[in-house]
Amino acid sequence: MNPIPIDFDYFDLLSIMGVAHSRNIIKVAHGVKSKRVDDNQTDFENHINGVMGEAGVARFLKLKLDKKLSLSGDDKIKDFMKDNKTIQVKTCLVKGDYKNLFFPNKEIGR
C-alpha cells in the first residue's frame, strides 16, 4: 500500500492542537488518566497523535472531525460514520516520525 499524503497547514495544526488540548484538559481537571499507548509520551502528546490521525482520515474521506469531549474518550465505538459503516481510527508513529502517519487498513487507501 502506498502512503497517501495528507498535508496540514498552520491553521489545521492549530485546530488539531486545540482539540487535543481540550480532550486532555477535561481529563486532567477530573483526575482521569488517559489510556497509555506509548509510555514515552505524555497524555497530551498521545492526544495530539490521535487527533492528527482522525483529522487525516476526516480530510481524506471529506468528513467532519468530531470535537466532542468525553471523560471516557469515544468508548471504542466509532470516530466516524460513512455509508452506514463505523470507522475507528488508530494512529501510530513510525520510529518517532511526526511528519508521517500511516494507516494499516488497506481499505482507506482505495
Protein backbone atom coordinates (compact mmCIF):
# COMPACT_ATOMS: atom_id res chain seq x y z
CA MET A 1 0.00 0.00 0.00
CA ASN A 2 1.34 3.41 -0.92
CA PRO A 3 1.09 6.13 1.71
CA ILE A 4 -1.39 8.88 0.97
CA PRO A 5 -0.01 12.29 1.91
CA ILE A 6 -2.36 14.49 3.91
CA ASP A 7 -1.00 18.00 4.24
CA PHE A 8 -2.00 20.15 7.20
CA ASP A 9 -1.44 23.89 7.09
CA TYR A 10 -0.76 26.15 10.06
CA PHE A 11 -4.46 26.61 10.82
CA ASP A 12 -5.15 22.88 10.58
CA LEU A 13 -2.38 22.25 13.11
CA LEU A 14 -3.76 24.94 15.44
CA SER A 15 -7.16 23.27 15.30
CA ILE A 16 -5.63 19.82 15.93
CA MET A 17 -3.68 21.19 18.90
CA GLY A 18 -6.83 22.87 20.25
CA VAL A 19 -8.87 19.65 20.08
CA ALA A 20 -6.04 17.65 21.67
CA HIS A 21 -5.67 20.26 24.43
CA SER A 22 -9.42 20.23 25.12
CA ARG A 23 -9.52 16.43 25.28
CA ASN A 24 -6.54 16.41 27.62
CA ILE A 25 -7.50 19.28 29.93
CA ILE A 26 -11.01 17.96 30.68
CA LYS A 27 -9.49 14.66 31.81
CA VAL A 28 -6.82 16.41 33.89
CA ALA A 29 -9.47 18.59 35.54
CA HIS A 30 -11.43 15.50 36.59
CA GLY A 31 -8.42 13.37 37.54
CA VAL A 32 -8.98 10.89 34.70
CA LYS A 33 -5.88 9.25 33.21
CA SER A 34 -5.86 8.53 29.51
CA LYS A 35 -5.18 5.02 28.31
CA ARG A 36 -1.46 4.84 27.57
CA VAL A 37 -0.46 3.93 24.05
CA ASP A 38 3.18 4.96 24.40
CA ASP A 39 4.76 5.31 27.84
CA ASN A 40 7.41 7.61 26.35
CA GLN A 41 4.80 10.27 25.57
CA THR A 42 2.62 12.43 27.77
CA ASP A 43 -1.16 12.14 27.67
CA PHE A 44 -1.23 15.40 25.70
CA GLU A 45 1.20 14.04 23.10
CA ASN A 46 -0.92 10.90 22.76
CA HIS A 47 -3.99 13.10 22.23
CA ILE A 48 -2.15 15.08 19.53
CA ASN A 49 -1.24 11.87 17.69
CA GLY A 50 -4.81 10.59 17.90
CA VAL A 51 -6.41 13.83 16.75
CA MET A 52 -3.91 14.15 13.92
CA GLY A 53 -4.87 10.68 12.70
CA GLU A 54 -8.57 11.48 12.97
CA ALA A 55 -8.03 14.79 11.13
CA GLY A 56 -6.19 12.98 8.33
CA VAL A 57 -8.97 10.44 7.91
CA ALA A 58 -11.58 13.21 8.06
CA ARG A 59 -9.76 15.17 5.35
CA PHE A 60 -9.33 12.11 3.12
CA LEU A 61 -12.95 10.98 3.45
CA LYS A 62 -14.33 14.53 3.42
CA LEU A 63 -15.91 14.14 6.85
CA LYS A 64 -16.14 16.49 9.81
CA LEU A 65 -13.75 15.95 12.73
CA ASP A 66 -15.62 15.08 15.92
CA LYS A 67 -14.65 17.67 18.54
CA LYS A 68 -16.95 16.44 21.32
CA LEU A 69 -15.35 15.97 24.73
CA SER A 70 -15.80 12.93 26.94
CA LEU A 71 -14.05 11.71 30.06
CA SER A 72 -14.11 8.19 28.65
CA GLY A 73 -12.92 9.03 25.13
CA ASP A 74 -15.04 7.56 22.36
CA ASP A 75 -15.61 4.28 24.23
CA LYS A 76 -14.20 2.37 21.24
CA ILE A 77 -17.50 2.84 19.43
CA LYS A 78 -16.60 4.97 16.45
CA ASP A 79 -14.68 8.01 15.33
CA PHE A 80 -16.67 8.39 12.10
CA MET A 81 -19.66 7.05 10.19
CA LYS A 82 -19.61 6.81 6.39
CA ASP A 83 -22.04 4.91 4.19
CA ASN A 84 -23.59 3.27 7.30
CA LYS A 85 -20.19 1.92 8.34
CA THR A 86 -18.36 2.84 11.53
CA ILE A 87 -14.71 3.87 11.39
CA GLN A 88 -12.44 3.62 14.42
CA VAL A 89 -9.12 5.40 13.81
CA LYS A 90 -5.92 4.13 15.40
CA THR A 91 -2.87 6.28 14.82
CA CYS A 92 0.72 5.16 15.13
CA LEU A 93 4.06 6.78 14.57
CA VAL A 94 6.79 5.01 12.70
CA LYS A 95 10.07 5.32 14.58
CA GLY A 96 9.03 8.66 16.07
CA ASP A 97 8.33 10.19 12.65
CA TYR A 98 5.92 13.01 13.46
CA LYS A 99 5.67 14.06 9.82
CA ASN A 100 4.12 10.83 8.54
CA LEU A 101 1.18 8.91 9.90
CA PHE A 102 0.42 5.51 8.46
CA PHE A 103 -2.92 3.76 8.45
CA PRO A 104 -2.56 -0.01 8.20
CA ASN A 105 -6.05 -0.67 6.81
CA LYS A 106 -5.80 -1.16 3.04
CA GLU A 107 -9.41 -0.03 2.60
CA ILE A 108 -8.54 3.56 3.48
CA GLY A 109 -6.18 3.82 0.52
CA ARG A 110 -8.86 2.97 -2.05
